[in-house]
Protein backbone atom coordinates (compact mmCIF):
# COMPACT_ATOMS: atom_id res chain seq x y z
CA MET A 1 120.74 -184.83 -50.47
CA THR A 2 118.28 -182.18 -50.48
CA GLU A 3 119.85 -179.22 -48.97
CA LYS A 4 118.70 -178.09 -45.62
CA ILE A 5 117.23 -174.64 -44.98
CA PHE A 6 117.71 -174.48 -41.40
CA ASP A 7 120.67 -173.99 -39.11
CA PRO A 8 122.32 -177.37 -38.78
CA VAL A 9 122.86 -177.08 -34.81
CA PHE A 10 119.32 -177.66 -34.35
CA THR A 11 119.57 -180.97 -36.25
CA GLU A 12 117.94 -183.91 -34.23
CA THR A 13 120.18 -186.71 -33.11
CA GLY A 14 119.93 -190.34 -34.44
CA ALA A 15 118.71 -191.40 -30.76
CA SER A 16 115.74 -189.18 -30.84
CA LEU A 17 115.07 -190.08 -34.54
CA GLU A 18 115.44 -194.05 -33.67
CA ALA A 19 113.05 -193.19 -30.75
CA PHE A 20 110.47 -191.59 -33.09
CA ALA A 21 110.69 -194.53 -35.76
CA ASP A 22 110.32 -197.16 -32.86
CA PHE A 23 107.01 -195.34 -31.85
CA VAL A 24 105.59 -194.96 -34.83
CA ALA A 25 106.10 -199.04 -35.81
CA ILE A 26 104.63 -199.65 -32.49
CA VAL A 27 101.45 -197.62 -33.48
CA ARG A 28 101.47 -199.78 -36.74
CA GLN A 29 101.57 -203.10 -35.09
CA LEU A 30 98.90 -202.08 -32.49
CA ARG A 31 97.02 -201.16 -35.77
CA ARG A 32 97.12 -204.31 -37.15
CA ASP A 33 97.26 -206.69 -33.97
CA CYS A 34 95.02 -205.08 -31.30
CA PRO A 35 91.73 -205.74 -31.86
CA TRP A 36 90.37 -202.14 -30.54
CA ASP A 37 93.04 -200.30 -32.43
CA LYS A 38 92.27 -202.26 -35.75
CA VAL A 39 88.40 -201.18 -36.02
CA GLN A 40 88.76 -197.60 -35.08
CA THR A 41 88.35 -194.84 -37.51
CA HIS A 42 89.19 -191.12 -37.77
CA GLU A 43 85.48 -190.58 -36.90
CA SER A 44 85.27 -193.09 -33.65
CA VAL A 45 88.54 -191.36 -31.97
CA LYS A 46 88.16 -187.84 -32.97
CA HIS A 47 86.65 -186.99 -29.72
CA LEU A 48 89.41 -188.77 -27.53
CA LEU A 49 91.73 -186.47 -29.73
CA ILE A 50 89.62 -183.32 -28.30
CA GLU A 51 90.02 -184.59 -24.59
CA GLU A 52 93.46 -185.21 -25.00
CA ALA A 53 93.87 -181.59 -26.06
CA TYR A 54 91.94 -180.12 -23.08
CA GLU A 55 94.19 -182.52 -20.75
CA THR A 56 97.37 -181.00 -22.23
CA VAL A 57 96.22 -177.59 -21.83
CA GLU A 58 95.03 -178.54 -18.06
CA THR A 59 98.73 -179.87 -17.04
CA ILE A 60 100.13 -176.24 -18.55
CA ASP A 61 97.78 -174.10 -16.26
CA GLN A 62 98.73 -176.41 -13.38
CA GLU A 63 102.58 -176.04 -14.31
CA ASP A 64 102.56 -179.81 -14.15
CA TRP A 65 105.45 -180.28 -16.34
CA PRO A 66 106.12 -184.28 -15.72
CA ASN A 67 102.36 -184.62 -16.53
CA LEU A 68 102.72 -182.23 -19.62
CA LYS A 69 105.27 -184.87 -21.10
CA LYS A 70 102.77 -187.40 -20.94
CA GLU A 71 99.94 -185.51 -22.21
CA LEU A 72 102.24 -184.41 -25.53
CA GLY A 73 102.99 -188.09 -25.87
CA ASP A 74 99.28 -188.84 -26.10
CA ILE A 75 98.85 -185.76 -28.50
CA LEU A 76 101.43 -187.60 -30.67
CA LEU A 77 99.87 -190.57 -30.66
CA HIS A 78 96.86 -189.29 -32.23
CA VAL A 79 98.70 -187.57 -34.80
CA VAL A 80 100.49 -190.82 -35.76
CA PHE A 81 97.41 -193.15 -35.13
CA HIS A 82 95.22 -190.70 -37.72
CA SER A 83 98.35 -191.05 -39.98
CA VAL A 84 98.44 -194.67 -39.95
CA ILE A 85 94.78 -194.94 -40.65
CA ALA A 86 94.98 -192.57 -43.56
CA ALA A 87 97.90 -194.10 -45.23
CA GLU A 88 95.78 -197.44 -45.33
CA SER A 89 93.31 -196.06 -47.61
CA ASP A 90 96.05 -194.17 -49.53
CA SER A 91 94.89 -191.08 -48.52
CA PHE A 92 98.20 -189.61 -47.17
CA THR A 93 100.88 -190.71 -44.97
CA LEU A 94 102.91 -189.75 -41.79
CA LYS A 95 105.61 -188.38 -43.99
CA ASP A 96 103.22 -186.46 -46.15
CA VAL A 97 101.87 -184.61 -43.01
CA ILE A 98 105.30 -183.97 -41.56
CA GLU A 99 106.96 -182.60 -45.17
CA ALA A 100 103.58 -180.40 -45.33
CA GLU A 101 103.65 -178.75 -42.26
CA THR A 102 107.56 -178.37 -42.64
CA GLU A 103 106.96 -176.58 -46.19
CA LYS A 104 104.33 -174.48 -44.62
CA LEU A 105 106.08 -173.21 -41.53
CA VAL A 106 109.09 -172.35 -43.66
CA ARG A 107 106.80 -170.45 -46.21
CA ARG A 108 105.23 -168.62 -43.47
CA HIS A 109 108.23 -167.43 -41.47
CA PRO A 110 109.84 -165.77 -44.68
CA HIS A 111 111.46 -163.31 -41.68
CA VAL A 112 113.39 -166.37 -40.86
CA PHE A 113 114.15 -168.11 -43.96
CA GLY A 114 113.70 -165.60 -46.16
CA ASP A 115 114.60 -161.64 -46.92
CA THR A 116 111.61 -160.46 -45.45
CA LYS A 117 112.17 -157.79 -42.33
CA VAL A 118 109.81 -157.63 -39.39
CA ALA A 119 110.31 -155.03 -36.64
CA ASN A 120 107.73 -156.97 -34.02
CA VAL A 121 105.80 -159.52 -33.13
CA ALA A 122 102.55 -158.01 -34.67
CA GLU A 123 104.31 -157.70 -38.25
CA VAL A 124 104.90 -161.59 -37.79
CA LEU A 125 101.32 -162.13 -37.41
CA THR A 126 100.39 -159.93 -40.02
CA ASN A 127 102.58 -161.77 -42.66
CA TRP A 128 101.16 -165.25 -41.53
CA GLU A 129 97.65 -163.83 -42.07
CA THR A 130 98.42 -162.14 -45.49
CA ILE A 131 100.57 -165.02 -46.55
CA LYS A 132 97.73 -167.65 -46.35
CA ILE A 133 95.16 -165.23 -48.19
CA ARG A 134 97.66 -164.88 -50.80
CA GLU A 135 98.25 -168.52 -51.13
CA GLY A 136 94.39 -168.83 -51.81
CA GLU A 137 94.40 -171.31 -48.81
CA LYS A 138 91.25 -169.67 -47.64
CA LYS A 139 88.79 -166.86 -49.26
CA SER A 140 88.27 -165.32 -45.76
CA ALA A 141 90.40 -164.12 -43.15
CA MET A 142 87.70 -165.96 -40.73
CA GLU A 143 88.33 -169.29 -42.12
CA GLY A 144 90.73 -171.49 -39.88
CA VAL A 145 88.52 -170.78 -36.46
CA PRO A 146 86.64 -173.87 -35.47
CA ARG A 147 83.02 -173.38 -34.48
CA HIS A 148 83.36 -175.96 -31.72
CA LEU A 149 86.04 -173.94 -29.77
CA PRO A 150 84.27 -172.37 -26.76
CA ALA A 151 82.74 -169.03 -27.86
CA LEU A 152 85.11 -166.75 -25.71
CA LEU A 153 88.19 -168.55 -27.18
CA ARG A 154 86.53 -168.40 -30.59
CA ALA A 155 85.94 -164.79 -30.22
CA TYR A 156 89.51 -164.18 -29.20
CA ARG A 157 90.91 -165.82 -32.40
CA MET A 158 88.34 -164.34 -34.59
CA GLN A 159 89.68 -160.75 -33.34
CA GLU A 160 93.15 -162.14 -34.02
CA LYS A 161 92.60 -163.06 -37.58
CA ALA A 162 90.88 -159.90 -38.05
CA ALA A 163 93.76 -157.90 -36.63
CA GLY A 164 96.11 -159.66 -38.45
CA VAL A 165 94.79 -158.27 -41.77
CA GLY A 166 94.97 -154.70 -40.22
CA PHE A 167 91.17 -154.83 -38.88
CA ASP A 168 91.78 -153.71 -35.72
CA PHE A 169 91.57 -150.97 -32.99
CA PRO A 170 94.49 -148.29 -32.87
CA SER A 171 95.18 -148.80 -29.33
CA PRO A 172 93.82 -150.32 -26.08
CA PRO A 173 92.02 -146.97 -25.24
CA ASP A 174 90.37 -147.01 -28.23
CA ALA A 175 89.01 -150.75 -27.75
CA TRP A 176 88.12 -149.58 -24.23
CA THR A 177 85.61 -146.68 -25.84
CA LYS A 178 84.08 -149.44 -27.66
CA VAL A 179 83.28 -151.50 -24.44
CA GLU A 180 82.05 -148.40 -22.64
CA GLU A 181 79.89 -147.62 -25.40
CA GLU A 182 78.51 -151.23 -25.62
CA MET A 183 77.85 -151.43 -21.96
CA GLY A 184 75.94 -148.17 -22.17
CA GLU A 185 73.59 -149.77 -24.69
CA PHE A 186 73.05 -153.10 -22.92
CA ARG A 187 72.66 -151.01 -19.77
CA GLU A 188 69.61 -148.56 -21.53
CA LEU A 189 68.30 -151.70 -23.43
CA ALA A 190 67.67 -153.89 -19.99
CA SER A 191 66.23 -150.72 -18.00
CA SER A 192 64.08 -150.37 -21.19
CA GLY A 193 62.51 -153.98 -20.32
CA ALA A 194 63.26 -155.38 -23.70
CA SER A 195 63.21 -158.94 -24.15
CA LEU A 196 66.07 -161.55 -23.03
CA VAL A 197 66.76 -162.38 -26.81
CA GLU A 198 67.37 -158.62 -27.23
CA GLN A 199 69.54 -158.22 -24.11
CA GLU A 200 71.19 -161.71 -25.02
CA LYS A 201 72.28 -159.96 -28.20
CA GLU A 202 73.55 -156.83 -26.16
CA LEU A 203 75.17 -158.59 -23.89
CA GLY A 204 77.00 -160.55 -26.34
CA ASP A 205 78.43 -157.31 -27.87
CA VAL A 206 79.64 -156.12 -24.47
CA ILE A 207 81.55 -159.43 -23.84
CA PHE A 208 82.91 -159.20 -27.43
CA ALA A 209 84.11 -155.86 -26.82
CA LEU A 210 85.84 -156.62 -23.60
CA ILE A 211 87.62 -159.77 -25.16
CA ASN A 212 88.86 -157.16 -27.77
CA TYR A 213 90.30 -154.82 -25.26
CA ALA A 214 91.94 -157.56 -23.54
CA ARG A 215 93.64 -158.91 -26.52
CA LYS A 216 94.79 -155.32 -27.45
CA SER A 217 96.03 -155.18 -23.83
CA GLY A 218 98.06 -158.24 -24.23
CA ILE A 219 95.56 -160.48 -21.97
CA ASN A 220 94.26 -163.87 -23.04
CA PRO A 221 90.59 -163.50 -21.93
CA GLU A 222 90.50 -167.35 -21.86
CA ASN A 223 93.30 -167.72 -19.45
CA ALA A 224 91.67 -164.93 -17.05
CA LEU A 225 88.58 -166.48 -17.17
CA GLY A 226 89.84 -169.79 -16.73
CA ARG A 227 91.83 -168.28 -13.71
CA THR A 228 88.86 -166.84 -12.13
CA ASN A 229 86.78 -170.40 -12.54
CA ASP A 230 89.30 -172.03 -10.51
CA LYS A 231 89.58 -169.17 -8.12
CA PHE A 232 86.01 -169.36 -7.46
CA ILE A 233 85.76 -173.26 -7.17
CA ARG A 234 88.41 -172.92 -4.59
CA ARG A 235 86.94 -170.27 -2.55
CA PHE A 236 83.44 -171.66 -2.63
CA GLN A 237 84.83 -174.88 -1.27
CA GLY A 238 86.38 -173.03 1.43
CA VAL A 239 82.84 -171.65 1.99
CA GLU A 240 81.54 -175.29 2.01
CA LYS A 241 84.18 -176.56 4.61
CA GLY A 242 83.92 -173.10 7.07
CA LEU A 243 79.97 -174.12 7.01
CA GLU A 244 80.62 -177.66 7.69
CA ALA A 245 82.87 -176.76 10.69
CA ASP A 246 80.42 -174.68 12.01
CA GLY A 247 77.83 -177.79 11.62
CA ILE A 248 76.01 -175.48 9.13
CA SER A 249 74.49 -177.37 6.17
CA LEU A 250 75.07 -175.88 2.72
CA VAL A 251 71.51 -175.93 1.68
CA ASP A 252 70.54 -174.63 5.23
CA ALA A 253 72.64 -171.82 5.32
CA THR A 254 71.71 -168.33 5.03
CA LEU A 255 73.42 -165.89 2.46
CA GLU A 256 74.74 -163.96 5.26
CA GLN A 257 76.47 -166.85 6.50
CA MET A 258 77.92 -167.98 3.06
CA ASP A 259 79.20 -164.34 2.57
CA ALA A 260 80.97 -164.44 6.00
CA HIS A 261 82.89 -167.40 5.07
CA TRP A 262 83.32 -166.47 1.81
CA ASP A 263 85.12 -162.76 3.07
CA ALA A 264 86.93 -165.22 5.38
CA VAL A 265 88.45 -167.24 2.67
CA LYS A 266 89.38 -164.48 0.87
CA LEU A 267 90.93 -162.74 3.40
CA THR A 268 93.08 -165.95 4.18
CA GLU A 269 94.27 -165.94 0.68
CA LYS A 270 94.88 -162.56 0.59
CA GLY A 271 97.19 -162.79 4.07
């Protein structure tokens, strides 16, 4: 038996292993016997994996732990399902997936499974990125940031990757100086009558710099904007209800009437 590198206290129980084995067996039988499951491909179900990931994130945002359990199950289903499909063409097996990820986790945590010493989380992240580059897994620190990520989250992850190899502002105040610089350039360009294309480029720089400041300050800008979006929807729906109570149609309401209800909703939330 191969010597285990982890603390035995974390060894999974027989009941959990049996449940996992049963789950995999059911997925394999579905692949064989279900008319829908048997015709699916990696390509045909990839969009469903994205959908399940977003639903999982939504349950976390809502702190809906019972539904998080269900959504994580759906994610697990996709991991197993893709592995079963791959095994049919001898590409790889579920065992290969698990072993490769296990080896990677051990390799990239030398401060846990080796002799490397780290002082803080920042050093852990730096080690993670440098190890990937030294292993030859990627030629650029920017690899591994999917183009299909939402633009704001993609910028955040790119900045994290760059910071992981030492390309970063020394402190939040330094990052804020860059925000002010970019805002000044955008303001000057906008007042000069520049084209919308030029303004769009400069505005992108402003947003990118602001994301960088948020990251340096320990704020996840994706989460921050998501909460603001939810707040706006909640308050705007409050405006709609207030107008309806006054017998005013939303399309007929004046800006002053909408503003009055907006302020009322804000006051109610704060009070």
